[in-house]
Amino acid sequence: MIEEKSDLLKAVEAVLFSDITATGLAQQTGITQAAITQYRTGARKIENMTLLTIEKLLKGRVDIKIK
């Protein structure tokens, strides 16, 4: 069974894998640089991200283009 990604997951990935450095994203969101790097490398699963972390990541990002 193939499941399509939700719009929320697509939005999180769009921000997480954007051209912004882990340091820059950490400064903008308050999420630690280590956590961002772990999500980017797969050491942490995005699907297990807390709602608070998702909120920090997406706050003020109404211009996200979901692919």
Protein backbone atom coordinates (compact mmCIF):
# COMPACT_ATOMS: atom_id res chain seq x y z
CA MET A 1 0.00 0.00 0.00
CA ILE A 2 1.41 3.38 -1.02
CA GLU A 3 0.49 6.28 1.22
CA GLU A 4 0.68 9.83 -0.05
CA LYS A 5 2.38 12.37 2.19
CA SER A 6 0.10 14.78 4.00
CA ASP A 7 0.29 18.50 3.30
CA LEU A 8 1.63 19.02 6.81
CA LEU A 9 4.47 16.55 6.29
CA LYS A 10 5.25 18.17 2.93
CA ALA A 11 5.36 21.61 4.57
CA VAL A 12 7.67 20.38 7.34
CA GLU A 13 10.01 18.79 4.80
CA ALA A 14 9.96 21.93 2.64
CA VAL A 15 11.28 24.01 5.54
CA LEU A 16 13.58 21.35 6.95
CA PHE A 17 15.26 20.64 3.61
CA SER A 18 15.34 24.23 2.39
CA ASP A 19 18.55 26.06 1.55
CA ILE A 20 18.68 27.54 5.05
CA THR A 21 21.62 26.23 7.07
CA ALA A 22 20.97 24.24 10.23
CA THR A 23 22.43 27.14 12.21
CA GLY A 24 20.17 29.67 10.52
CA LEU A 25 17.10 27.50 10.93
CA ALA A 26 17.96 26.97 14.59
CA GLN A 27 18.26 30.71 15.15
CA GLN A 28 14.95 31.39 13.38
CA THR A 29 12.94 28.64 15.06
CA GLY A 30 14.46 27.93 18.47
CA ILE A 31 14.93 24.27 17.54
CA THR A 32 18.45 23.12 18.34
CA GLN A 33 20.94 22.83 15.50
CA ALA A 34 21.61 19.24 16.57
CA ALA A 35 17.91 18.33 16.27
CA ILE A 36 17.65 19.93 12.82
CA THR A 37 20.72 18.02 11.65
CA GLN A 38 19.31 14.78 13.06
CA TYR A 39 16.02 15.28 11.20
CA ARG A 40 17.90 16.12 8.00
CA THR A 41 20.16 13.06 8.21
CA GLY A 42 17.42 10.67 9.24
CA ALA A 43 18.80 10.03 12.73
CA ARG A 44 15.40 11.28 13.95
CA LYS A 45 12.21 10.48 12.07
CA ILE A 46 10.20 13.49 10.94
CA GLU A 47 7.04 11.44 11.54
CA ASN A 48 7.92 11.39 15.27
CA MET A 49 8.40 15.16 15.51
CA THR A 50 6.36 16.72 18.32
CA LEU A 51 3.59 19.18 17.59
CA LEU A 52 5.54 21.87 19.43
CA THR A 53 8.54 21.34 17.16
CA ILE A 54 6.32 21.41 14.06
CA GLU A 55 4.75 24.63 15.29
CA LYS A 56 8.18 26.23 15.83
CA LEU A 57 9.35 25.07 12.42
CA LEU A 58 6.33 26.35 10.51
CA LYS A 59 5.51 29.50 12.49
CA GLY A 60 5.43 32.50 10.18
CA ARG A 61 6.10 30.42 7.08
CA VAL A 62 2.97 31.12 5.05
CA ASP A 63 5.04 31.38 1.88
CA ILE A 64 6.02 27.69 1.78
CA LYS A 65 5.62 26.09 -1.61
CA ILE A 66 4.43 22.49 -1.19
CA LYS A 67 5.57 20.23 -4.00
